[in-house]
Amino acid sequence: MTLEATPYPEINAVLHELRSGAQAIRGRQLVGVYLDGSLAIGGFEPDRSDIDFVMVTEGEYSVNVNAPNARASEHLLA
């Protein structure tokens, strides 16, 4: 049995892809990706709500990492 972050398969797929992309970019510096906002507290409405999340990392954040993060975000929004 796999524990999913939400009861919405499409959102879970995006979250898995987001985490995988963040892991590829940040490596061991990635501590975790956490849901926030309405999806985390139970007020999510699929036709109205956005998806809020927090990415926690260790170490210094380098501006050089921003470009791959931006490309990963663009891929998810496409």
N, C-alpha and C. Protein backbone atom coordinates (compact mmCIF):
# COMPACT_ATOMS: atom_id res chain seq x y z
N MET A 1 0.84 -1.18 0.00
CA MET A 1 0.00 0.00 0.00
C MET A 1 0.89 1.25 0.00
N THR A 2 0.57 2.19 -0.87
CA THR A 2 1.30 3.45 -0.96
C THR A 2 0.50 4.54 -0.28
N LEU A 3 1.15 5.28 0.59
CA LEU A 3 0.51 6.41 1.25
C LEU A 3 0.63 7.63 0.35
N GLU A 4 -0.49 8.20 -0.01
CA GLU A 4 -0.50 9.37 -0.89
C GLU A 4 -0.73 10.64 -0.07
N ALA A 5 -0.24 11.76 -0.59
CA ALA A 5 -0.34 13.03 0.11
C ALA A 5 -1.76 13.58 0.13
N THR A 6 -2.53 13.30 -0.92
CA THR A 6 -3.88 13.84 -1.03
C THR A 6 -4.81 12.75 -1.57
N PRO A 7 -6.12 12.98 -1.50
CA PRO A 7 -7.06 12.04 -2.11
C PRO A 7 -7.26 12.27 -3.62
N TYR A 8 -6.44 13.14 -4.21
CA TYR A 8 -6.58 13.50 -5.62
C TYR A 8 -5.41 12.93 -6.42
N PRO A 9 -5.64 11.89 -7.23
CA PRO A 9 -4.55 11.25 -7.98
C PRO A 9 -3.75 12.21 -8.87
N GLU A 10 -4.42 13.17 -9.52
CA GLU A 10 -3.72 14.10 -10.40
C GLU A 10 -2.77 14.99 -9.61
N ILE A 11 -3.20 15.44 -8.45
CA ILE A 11 -2.36 16.28 -7.60
C ILE A 11 -1.20 15.47 -7.05
N ASN A 12 -1.46 14.23 -6.66
CA ASN A 12 -0.38 13.37 -6.16
C ASN A 12 0.69 13.17 -7.23
N ALA A 13 0.28 13.01 -8.48
CA ALA A 13 1.24 12.83 -9.57
C ALA A 13 2.12 14.06 -9.72
N VAL A 14 1.52 15.25 -9.65
CA VAL A 14 2.29 16.49 -9.75
C VAL A 14 3.24 16.62 -8.57
N LEU A 15 2.77 16.30 -7.37
CA LEU A 15 3.62 16.39 -6.18
C LEU A 15 4.80 15.43 -6.26
N HIS A 16 4.56 14.22 -6.77
CA HIS A 16 5.66 13.26 -6.94
C HIS A 16 6.69 13.79 -7.94
N GLU A 17 6.20 14.37 -9.04
CA GLU A 17 7.11 14.93 -10.04
C GLU A 17 7.88 16.12 -9.46
N LEU A 18 7.19 16.95 -8.71
CA LEU A 18 7.84 18.09 -8.06
C LEU A 18 8.94 17.64 -7.12
N ARG A 19 8.64 16.66 -6.30
CA ARG A 19 9.63 16.16 -5.35
C ARG A 19 10.82 15.53 -6.08
N SER A 20 10.54 14.76 -7.11
CA SER A 20 11.62 14.13 -7.88
C SER A 20 12.51 15.17 -8.53
N GLY A 21 11.90 16.21 -9.09
CA GLY A 21 12.68 17.28 -9.71
C GLY A 21 13.51 18.04 -8.69
N ALA A 22 12.91 18.32 -7.53
CA ALA A 22 13.64 19.01 -6.47
C ALA A 22 14.80 18.16 -5.97
N GLN A 23 14.57 16.86 -5.86
CA GLN A 23 15.62 15.95 -5.41
C GLN A 23 16.77 15.92 -6.43
N ALA A 24 16.43 15.93 -7.71
CA ALA A 24 17.46 15.93 -8.75
C ALA A 24 18.28 17.22 -8.72
N ILE A 25 17.64 18.33 -8.41
CA ILE A 25 18.32 19.62 -8.39
C ILE A 25 19.09 19.83 -7.09
N ARG A 26 18.45 19.55 -5.96
CA ARG A 26 19.04 19.86 -4.65
C ARG A 26 19.79 18.69 -4.02
N GLY A 27 19.54 17.47 -4.49
CA GLY A 27 20.23 16.31 -3.94
C GLY A 27 19.97 16.14 -2.45
N ARG A 28 21.03 15.87 -1.71
CA ARG A 28 20.90 15.63 -0.26
C ARG A 28 20.49 16.87 0.52
N GLN A 29 20.55 18.03 -0.12
CA GLN A 29 20.14 19.26 0.57
C GLN A 29 18.63 19.33 0.75
N LEU A 30 17.89 18.57 -0.04
CA LEU A 30 16.43 18.58 0.10
C LEU A 30 16.03 17.85 1.37
N VAL A 31 15.39 18.56 2.27
CA VAL A 31 14.90 17.96 3.51
C VAL A 31 13.51 17.39 3.29
N GLY A 32 12.65 18.14 2.62
CA GLY A 32 11.31 17.66 2.36
C GLY A 32 10.48 18.65 1.59
N VAL A 33 9.36 18.17 1.07
CA VAL A 33 8.37 18.99 0.39
C VAL A 33 7.08 18.77 1.15
N TYR A 34 6.49 19.86 1.63
CA TYR A 34 5.34 19.78 2.51
C TYR A 34 4.17 20.57 1.96
N LEU A 35 2.97 20.00 2.07
CA LEU A 35 1.76 20.71 1.67
C LEU A 35 1.45 21.78 2.69
N ASP A 36 0.84 22.86 2.21
CA ASP A 36 0.44 23.98 3.06
C ASP A 36 -0.91 24.47 2.54
N GLY A 37 -1.51 25.37 3.22
CA GLY A 37 -2.74 25.98 2.75
C GLY A 37 -3.94 25.05 2.83
N SER A 38 -4.92 25.33 1.98
CA SER A 38 -6.21 24.64 2.05
C SER A 38 -6.10 23.13 1.85
N LEU A 39 -5.18 22.70 1.02
CA LEU A 39 -5.02 21.26 0.77
C LEU A 39 -4.52 20.55 2.03
N ALA A 40 -3.71 21.23 2.82
CA ALA A 40 -3.17 20.63 4.04
C ALA A 40 -4.17 20.63 5.19
N ILE A 41 -5.07 21.62 5.22
CA ILE A 41 -5.98 21.73 6.37
C ILE A 41 -7.41 21.31 6.07
N GLY A 42 -7.66 20.84 4.85
CA GLY A 42 -8.96 20.27 4.54
C GLY A 42 -9.96 21.20 3.89
N GLY A 43 -9.56 22.38 3.45
CA GLY A 43 -10.50 23.29 2.81
C GLY A 43 -10.35 23.36 1.30
N PHE A 44 -9.62 22.42 0.73
CA PHE A 44 -9.33 22.44 -0.71
C PHE A 44 -10.58 22.20 -1.53
N GLU A 45 -10.77 23.05 -2.56
CA GLU A 45 -11.86 22.89 -3.52
C GLU A 45 -11.22 22.76 -4.91
N PRO A 46 -11.29 21.57 -5.53
CA PRO A 46 -10.58 21.32 -6.78
C PRO A 46 -10.82 22.35 -7.88
N ASP A 47 -12.00 22.91 -7.97
CA ASP A 47 -12.29 23.85 -9.04
C ASP A 47 -11.93 25.30 -8.69
N ARG A 48 -11.49 25.56 -7.44
CA ARG A 48 -11.22 26.94 -7.03
C ARG A 48 -9.86 27.15 -6.38
N SER A 49 -9.35 26.14 -5.72
CA SER A 49 -8.15 26.31 -4.90
C SER A 49 -6.85 26.14 -5.69
N ASP A 50 -5.81 26.80 -5.19
CA ASP A 50 -4.48 26.56 -5.72
C ASP A 50 -3.79 25.55 -4.82
N ILE A 51 -2.57 25.16 -5.17
CA ILE A 51 -1.82 24.19 -4.38
C ILE A 51 -0.62 24.90 -3.79
N ASP A 52 -0.58 24.96 -2.47
CA ASP A 52 0.52 25.60 -1.76
C ASP A 52 1.42 24.52 -1.18
N PHE A 53 2.73 24.74 -1.30
CA PHE A 53 3.68 23.81 -0.72
C PHE A 53 4.91 24.58 -0.27
N VAL A 54 5.66 23.95 0.61
CA VAL A 54 6.91 24.51 1.11
C VAL A 54 8.00 23.49 0.84
N MET A 55 9.12 23.95 0.28
CA MET A 55 10.26 23.09 0.06
C MET A 55 11.34 23.49 1.07
N VAL A 56 11.78 22.54 1.90
CA VAL A 56 12.78 22.82 2.92
C VAL A 56 14.11 22.20 2.49
N THR A 57 15.17 23.01 2.54
CA THR A 57 16.50 22.54 2.17
C THR A 57 17.50 22.89 3.25
N GLU A 58 18.62 22.20 3.23
CA GLU A 58 19.74 22.50 4.12
C GLU A 58 20.77 23.30 3.36
N GLY A 59 21.59 24.02 4.09
CA GLY A 59 22.72 24.72 3.47
C GLY A 59 22.32 26.03 2.84
N GLU A 60 23.28 26.63 2.17
CA GLU A 60 23.07 27.90 1.51
C GLU A 60 22.31 27.71 0.21
N TYR A 61 21.50 28.69 -0.11
CA TYR A 61 20.78 28.68 -1.37
C TYR A 61 21.57 29.50 -2.38
N SER A 62 21.95 28.91 -3.45
CA SER A 62 22.75 29.58 -4.47
C SER A 62 21.85 30.09 -5.59
N VAL A 63 22.15 31.26 -6.08
CA VAL A 63 21.42 31.81 -7.21
C VAL A 63 21.55 30.89 -8.42
N ASN A 64 22.65 30.17 -8.52
CA ASN A 64 22.86 29.24 -9.64
C ASN A 64 21.83 28.13 -9.67
N VAL A 65 21.20 27.84 -8.54
CA VAL A 65 20.19 26.79 -8.49
C VAL A 65 18.85 27.31 -8.99
N ASN A 66 18.66 28.60 -9.04
CA ASN A 66 17.38 29.18 -9.42
C ASN A 66 16.97 28.82 -10.84
N ALA A 67 17.87 28.80 -11.80
CA ALA A 67 17.52 28.49 -13.19
C ALA A 67 16.92 27.10 -13.33
N PRO A 68 17.54 26.03 -12.79
CA PRO A 68 16.90 24.71 -12.88
C PRO A 68 15.55 24.67 -12.16
N ASN A 69 15.43 25.38 -11.03
CA ASN A 69 14.14 25.42 -10.33
C ASN A 69 13.08 26.05 -11.21
N ALA A 70 13.42 27.14 -11.90
CA ALA A 70 12.47 27.81 -12.78
C ALA A 70 12.06 26.90 -13.92
N ARG A 71 13.02 26.19 -14.53
CA ARG A 71 12.68 25.26 -15.62
C ARG A 71 11.77 24.14 -15.12
N ALA A 72 12.02 23.63 -13.92
CA ALA A 72 11.18 22.57 -13.36
C ALA A 72 9.77 23.09 -13.14
N SER A 73 9.63 24.31 -12.64
CA SER A 73 8.31 24.90 -12.42
C SER A 73 7.58 25.09 -13.74
N GLU A 74 8.27 25.57 -14.76
CA GLU A 74 7.64 25.76 -16.07
C GLU A 74 7.13 24.43 -16.63
N HIS A 75 7.88 23.36 -16.43
CA HIS A 75 7.48 22.04 -16.90
C HIS A 75 6.18 21.60 -16.22
N LEU A 76 6.06 21.85 -14.92
CA LEU A 76 4.87 21.44 -14.19
C LEU A 76 3.65 22.25 -14.59
N LEU A 77 3.85 23.50 -14.98
CA LEU A 77 2.73 24.36 -15.36
C LEU A 77 2.27 24.12 -16.78
N ALA A 78 3.07 23.44 -17.58
CA ALA A 78 2.72 23.22 -18.99
C ALA A 78 1.60 22.22 -19.15
